[in-house]
């Protein structure tokens, strides 16, 4: 499963397949929330990736993959 953090206008969204996006005012908040969701899903044995998108459309930093 892939979790995506991306900007939407002035806010940031955390998108998890099968769930409504979580919205945050700051990118750092969204990134931390995405990591927390990834850890919870990975603890069930689900392979999880976290991908960050920057405002200019580029990939933000290396993607995380659990476990």
N, C-alpha and C. Protein backbone atom coordinates (compact mmCIF):
# COMPACT_ATOMS: atom_id res chain seq x y z
N UNK A 1 0.85 -1.17 0.00
CA UNK A 1 0.00 0.00 0.00
C UNK A 1 0.89 1.23 0.00
N UNK A 2 0.48 2.23 -0.75
CA UNK A 2 1.24 3.48 -0.83
C UNK A 2 0.46 4.62 -0.21
N UNK A 3 1.11 5.34 0.68
CA UNK A 3 0.56 6.54 1.29
C UNK A 3 1.25 7.72 0.62
N UNK A 4 0.47 8.71 0.22
CA UNK A 4 1.03 9.86 -0.48
C UNK A 4 0.73 11.13 0.31
N UNK A 5 1.77 11.96 0.48
CA UNK A 5 1.63 13.28 1.07
C UNK A 5 1.84 14.28 -0.06
N UNK A 6 0.84 15.16 -0.26
CA UNK A 6 0.95 16.11 -1.37
C UNK A 6 0.21 17.40 -1.06
N UNK A 7 0.66 18.49 -1.67
CA UNK A 7 -0.02 19.76 -1.47
C UNK A 7 -1.31 19.82 -2.27
N UNK A 8 -2.31 20.47 -1.67
CA UNK A 8 -3.56 20.78 -2.37
C UNK A 8 -3.85 22.24 -2.06
N UNK A 9 -3.57 23.09 -3.00
CA UNK A 9 -3.72 24.53 -2.74
C UNK A 9 -2.78 24.96 -1.63
N UNK A 10 -3.34 25.53 -0.58
CA UNK A 10 -2.54 26.03 0.54
C UNK A 10 -2.36 25.01 1.66
N UNK A 11 -2.97 23.84 1.54
CA UNK A 11 -2.89 22.83 2.59
C UNK A 11 -2.19 21.58 2.06
N UNK A 12 -1.99 20.62 2.95
CA UNK A 12 -1.34 19.36 2.60
C UNK A 12 -2.28 18.21 2.90
N UNK A 13 -2.28 17.21 2.03
CA UNK A 13 -3.15 16.04 2.20
C UNK A 13 -2.32 14.79 2.38
N UNK A 14 -2.82 13.91 3.23
CA UNK A 14 -2.27 12.56 3.36
C UNK A 14 -3.32 11.63 2.76
N UNK A 15 -2.95 10.94 1.71
CA UNK A 15 -3.88 10.05 1.01
C UNK A 15 -3.51 8.60 1.28
N UNK A 16 -4.48 7.88 1.81
CA UNK A 16 -4.34 6.45 2.09
C UNK A 16 -5.43 5.75 1.29
N UNK A 17 -5.10 4.75 0.48
CA UNK A 17 -6.12 4.06 -0.30
C UNK A 17 -7.28 3.57 0.59
N UNK A 18 -8.50 3.83 0.14
CA UNK A 18 -9.68 3.37 0.86
C UNK A 18 -10.13 4.28 1.98
N UNK A 19 -9.49 5.45 2.13
CA UNK A 19 -9.85 6.38 3.22
C UNK A 19 -9.94 7.80 2.67
N UNK A 20 -10.70 8.63 3.37
CA UNK A 20 -10.76 10.05 3.01
C UNK A 20 -9.40 10.68 3.30
N UNK A 21 -8.97 11.66 2.49
CA UNK A 21 -7.69 12.32 2.77
C UNK A 21 -7.73 13.05 4.11
N UNK A 22 -6.60 13.02 4.78
CA UNK A 22 -6.42 13.83 5.99
C UNK A 22 -5.77 15.14 5.55
N UNK A 23 -6.27 16.27 6.05
CA UNK A 23 -5.79 17.58 5.62
C UNK A 23 -5.05 18.27 6.77
N UNK A 24 -3.91 18.89 6.43
CA UNK A 24 -3.07 19.57 7.41
C UNK A 24 -2.64 20.93 6.86
N UNK A 25 -2.41 21.87 7.76
CA UNK A 25 -2.00 23.21 7.33
C UNK A 25 -0.52 23.28 6.99
N UNK A 26 0.27 22.34 7.51
CA UNK A 26 1.72 22.35 7.25
C UNK A 26 2.19 21.00 6.75
N UNK A 27 3.17 21.03 5.86
CA UNK A 27 3.70 19.79 5.29
C UNK A 27 4.33 18.88 6.32
N UNK A 28 4.99 19.46 7.32
CA UNK A 28 5.61 18.64 8.36
C UNK A 28 4.59 17.86 9.17
N UNK A 29 3.44 18.50 9.42
CA UNK A 29 2.36 17.80 10.14
C UNK A 29 1.85 16.63 9.30
N UNK A 30 1.68 16.85 8.02
CA UNK A 30 1.20 15.80 7.13
C UNK A 30 2.20 14.65 7.06
N UNK A 31 3.47 14.98 6.98
CA UNK A 31 4.51 13.95 6.92
C UNK A 31 4.51 13.08 8.18
N UNK A 32 4.41 13.72 9.34
CA UNK A 32 4.38 12.96 10.60
C UNK A 32 3.15 12.06 10.68
N UNK A 33 2.00 12.58 10.24
CA UNK A 33 0.77 11.78 10.26
C UNK A 33 0.90 10.58 9.31
N UNK A 34 1.49 10.79 8.14
CA UNK A 34 1.67 9.70 7.18
C UNK A 34 2.59 8.62 7.75
N UNK A 35 3.64 9.03 8.42
CA UNK A 35 4.55 8.06 9.03
C UNK A 35 3.84 7.26 10.11
N UNK A 36 3.01 7.92 10.91
CA UNK A 36 2.27 7.22 11.97
C UNK A 36 1.31 6.19 11.38
N UNK A 37 0.61 6.56 10.32
CA UNK A 37 -0.30 5.61 9.65
C UNK A 37 0.50 4.44 9.08
N UNK A 38 1.64 4.74 8.48
CA UNK A 38 2.47 3.69 7.90
C UNK A 38 2.95 2.70 8.95
N UNK A 39 3.35 3.20 10.10
CA UNK A 39 3.81 2.31 11.18
C UNK A 39 2.67 1.42 11.65
N UNK A 40 1.46 2.00 11.80
CA UNK A 40 0.31 1.19 12.22
C UNK A 40 -0.01 0.10 11.20
N UNK A 41 -0.02 0.46 9.92
CA UNK A 41 -0.31 -0.53 8.89
C UNK A 41 0.79 -1.59 8.80
N UNK A 42 2.03 -1.17 8.91
CA UNK A 42 3.15 -2.11 8.84
C UNK A 42 3.12 -3.09 10.00
N UNK A 43 2.60 -2.66 11.15
CA UNK A 43 2.55 -3.55 12.31
C UNK A 43 1.58 -4.71 12.09
N UNK A 44 0.69 -4.58 11.10
CA UNK A 44 -0.22 -5.66 10.76
C UNK A 44 0.36 -6.57 9.68
N UNK A 45 1.57 -6.25 9.23
CA UNK A 45 2.22 -7.05 8.19
C UNK A 45 2.02 -6.51 6.79
N UNK A 46 1.30 -5.41 6.67
CA UNK A 46 1.05 -4.79 5.37
C UNK A 46 2.29 -4.03 4.90
N UNK A 47 2.82 -4.35 3.71
CA UNK A 47 3.93 -3.54 3.18
C UNK A 47 3.41 -2.14 2.85
N UNK A 48 4.10 -1.12 3.32
CA UNK A 48 3.63 0.26 3.18
C UNK A 48 4.76 1.14 2.67
N UNK A 49 4.42 2.03 1.75
CA UNK A 49 5.35 3.04 1.28
C UNK A 49 4.80 4.42 1.57
N UNK A 50 5.68 5.37 1.90
CA UNK A 50 5.28 6.76 2.10
C UNK A 50 6.01 7.59 1.06
N UNK A 51 5.24 8.33 0.28
CA UNK A 51 5.79 9.14 -0.81
C UNK A 51 5.40 10.60 -0.60
N UNK A 52 6.39 11.47 -0.66
CA UNK A 52 6.17 12.91 -0.49
C UNK A 52 6.24 13.59 -1.85
N UNK A 53 5.28 14.48 -2.11
CA UNK A 53 5.32 15.31 -3.32
C UNK A 53 5.47 16.75 -2.89
N UNK A 54 6.36 17.48 -3.54
CA UNK A 54 6.59 18.88 -3.24
C UNK A 54 5.62 19.77 -4.02
N UNK A 55 5.55 21.02 -3.65
CA UNK A 55 4.64 21.95 -4.34
C UNK A 55 4.95 22.08 -5.82
N UNK A 56 6.20 21.90 -6.21
CA UNK A 56 6.55 22.02 -7.63
C UNK A 56 6.36 20.70 -8.39
N UNK A 57 5.80 19.68 -7.72
CA UNK A 57 5.53 18.41 -8.37
C UNK A 57 6.62 17.37 -8.26
N UNK A 58 7.79 17.78 -7.79
CA UNK A 58 8.90 16.82 -7.64
C UNK A 58 8.68 15.91 -6.43
N UNK A 59 9.37 14.76 -6.46
CA UNK A 59 9.37 13.84 -5.32
C UNK A 59 10.17 14.49 -4.20
N UNK A 60 9.64 14.47 -2.98
CA UNK A 60 10.33 15.08 -1.84
C UNK A 60 11.09 14.05 -1.06
N UNK A 61 12.39 14.04 -1.19
CA UNK A 61 13.23 13.13 -0.42
C UNK A 61 13.01 11.66 -0.80
N UNK A 62 13.74 10.78 -0.17
CA UNK A 62 13.57 9.36 -0.48
C UNK A 62 12.25 8.83 0.09
N UNK A 63 11.64 7.93 -0.65
CA UNK A 63 10.41 7.30 -0.17
C UNK A 63 10.76 6.30 0.93
N UNK A 64 9.87 6.19 1.89
CA UNK A 64 10.06 5.22 2.98
C UNK A 64 9.25 3.99 2.64
N UNK A 65 9.78 2.81 2.98
CA UNK A 65 9.09 1.55 2.74
C UNK A 65 9.17 0.74 4.03
N UNK A 66 8.00 0.30 4.53
CA UNK A 66 7.94 -0.51 5.74
C UNK A 66 7.23 -1.81 5.43
N UNK A 67 7.39 -2.83 6.13
CA UNK A 67 8.65 -3.50 6.45
C UNK A 67 9.30 -4.04 5.22
